[in-house]
Amino acid sequence: MEAEIIEPAIKACLAEIHAKLKAAEQITRAAQACAEAGGVAEAIRVSMDIEQFDIRSRTAS
């Protein structure tokens, strides 16, 4: 394959990874805030959103 095809594809993949990691970071921050405020059960529920996010990203590819 030519670099003109490969490089944009790699850049697109990296951009998608970056977006997914940012979303996971936001979920993690929310879960951490819940835990620090004493809502450990809520923190667990919120953190489970990361797992669902991961499952959706795997099935979308």
C-alpha atoms as a PDB file:
ATOM      1  CA  MET A   1       0.000   0.000   0.000  1.00  0.00           C
ATOM      2  CA  GLU A   2       1.043   3.536  -0.607  1.00  0.00           C
ATOM      3  CA  ALA A   3       1.924   5.967   2.154  1.00  0.00           C
ATOM      4  CA  GLU A   4      -0.873   8.255   0.915  1.00  0.00           C
ATOM      5  CA  ILE A   5      -3.370   5.596   2.009  1.00  0.00           C
ATOM      6  CA  ILE A   6      -1.641   4.215   5.091  1.00  0.00           C
ATOM      7  CA  GLU A   7      -0.742   7.469   6.842  1.00  0.00           C
ATOM      8  CA  PRO A   8      -4.271   8.970   6.876  1.00  0.00           C
ATOM      9  CA  ALA A   9      -5.658   5.634   8.070  1.00  0.00           C
ATOM     10  CA  ILE A  10      -3.167   5.505  10.935  1.00  0.00           C
ATOM     11  CA  LYS A  11      -3.938   9.112  11.859  1.00  0.00           C
ATOM     12  CA  ALA A  12      -7.673   8.349  11.876  1.00  0.00           C
ATOM     13  CA  CYS A  13      -7.151   5.305  14.097  1.00  0.00           C
ATOM     14  CA  LEU A  14      -5.031   7.302  16.530  1.00  0.00           C
ATOM     15  CA  ALA A  15      -7.632  10.076  16.640  1.00  0.00           C
ATOM     16  CA  GLU A  16     -10.335   7.508  17.458  1.00  0.00           C
ATOM     17  CA  ILE A  17      -8.200   5.971  20.201  1.00  0.00           C
ATOM     18  CA  HIS A  18      -7.585   9.424  21.638  1.00  0.00           C
ATOM     19  CA  ALA A  19     -11.303  10.220  21.682  1.00  0.00           C
ATOM     20  CA  LYS A  20     -12.122   6.936  23.407  1.00  0.00           C
ATOM     21  CA  LEU A  21      -9.435   7.463  26.029  1.00  0.00           C
ATOM     22  CA  LYS A  22     -10.736  10.966  26.747  1.00  0.00           C
ATOM     23  CA  ALA A  23     -14.242   9.581  27.251  1.00  0.00           C
ATOM     24  CA  ALA A  24     -12.894   6.880  29.564  1.00  0.00           C
ATOM     25  CA  GLU A  25     -10.970   9.532  31.499  1.00  0.00           C
ATOM     26  CA  GLN A  26     -14.152  11.527  32.050  1.00  0.00           C
ATOM     27  CA  ILE A  27     -15.943   8.444  33.367  1.00  0.00           C
ATOM     28  CA  THR A  28     -12.993   7.687  35.644  1.00  0.00           C
ATOM     29  CA  ARG A  29     -12.964  11.220  37.032  1.00  0.00           C
ATOM     30  CA  ALA A  30     -16.682  11.000  37.798  1.00  0.00           C
ATOM     31  CA  ALA A  31     -16.248   7.639  39.519  1.00  0.00           C
ATOM     32  CA  GLN A  32     -13.319   8.950  41.536  1.00  0.00           C
ATOM     33  CA  ALA A  33     -15.317  12.003  42.621  1.00  0.00           C
ATOM     34  CA  CYS A  34     -18.151   9.740  43.774  1.00  0.00           C
ATOM     35  CA  ALA A  35     -15.750   7.553  45.744  1.00  0.00           C
ATOM     36  CA  GLU A  36     -14.021  10.515  47.365  1.00  0.00           C
ATOM     37  CA  ALA A  37     -17.418  11.921  48.377  1.00  0.00           C
ATOM     38  CA  GLY A  38     -18.214   8.637  50.113  1.00  0.00           C
ATOM     39  CA  GLY A  39     -20.370   7.139  47.381  1.00  0.00           C
ATOM     40  CA  VAL A  40     -18.358   4.010  46.725  1.00  0.00           C
ATOM     41  CA  ALA A  41     -21.373   2.074  45.423  1.00  0.00           C
ATOM     42  CA  GLU A  42     -22.164   4.905  43.017  1.00  0.00           C
ATOM     43  CA  ALA A  43     -18.502   5.041  41.987  1.00  0.00           C
ATOM     44  CA  ILE A  44     -18.662   1.377  41.078  1.00  0.00           C
ATOM     45  CA  ARG A  45     -21.823   1.908  39.037  1.00  0.00           C
ATOM     46  CA  VAL A  46     -20.247   4.859  37.225  1.00  0.00           C
ATOM     47  CA  SER A  47     -17.001   2.991  36.591  1.00  0.00           C
ATOM     48  CA  MET A  48     -18.951   0.156  35.009  1.00  0.00           C
ATOM     49  CA  ASP A  49     -19.709   2.609  32.197  1.00  0.00           C
ATOM     50  CA  ILE A  50     -16.083   2.176  31.134  1.00  0.00           C
ATOM     51  CA  GLU A  51     -16.684  -1.532  30.656  1.00  0.00           C
ATOM     52  CA  GLN A  52     -19.778  -0.840  28.558  1.00  0.00           C
ATOM     53  CA  PHE A  53     -17.800   1.736  26.595  1.00  0.00           C
ATOM     54  CA  ASP A  54     -15.106  -0.866  25.951  1.00  0.00           C
ATOM     55  CA  ILE A  55     -17.637  -3.459  24.824  1.00  0.00           C
ATOM     56  CA  ARG A  56     -19.275  -0.998  22.412  1.00  0.00           C
ATOM     57  CA  SER A  57     -15.917  -0.012  20.961  1.00  0.00           C
ATOM     58  CA  ARG A  58     -14.963  -3.651  20.390  1.00  0.00           C
ATOM     59  CA  THR A  59     -18.219  -4.540  18.659  1.00  0.00           C
ATOM     60  CA  ALA A  60     -18.115  -1.397  16.522  1.00  0.00           C
ATOM     61  CA  SER A  61     -14.814  -2.354  14.918  1.00  0.00           C
END
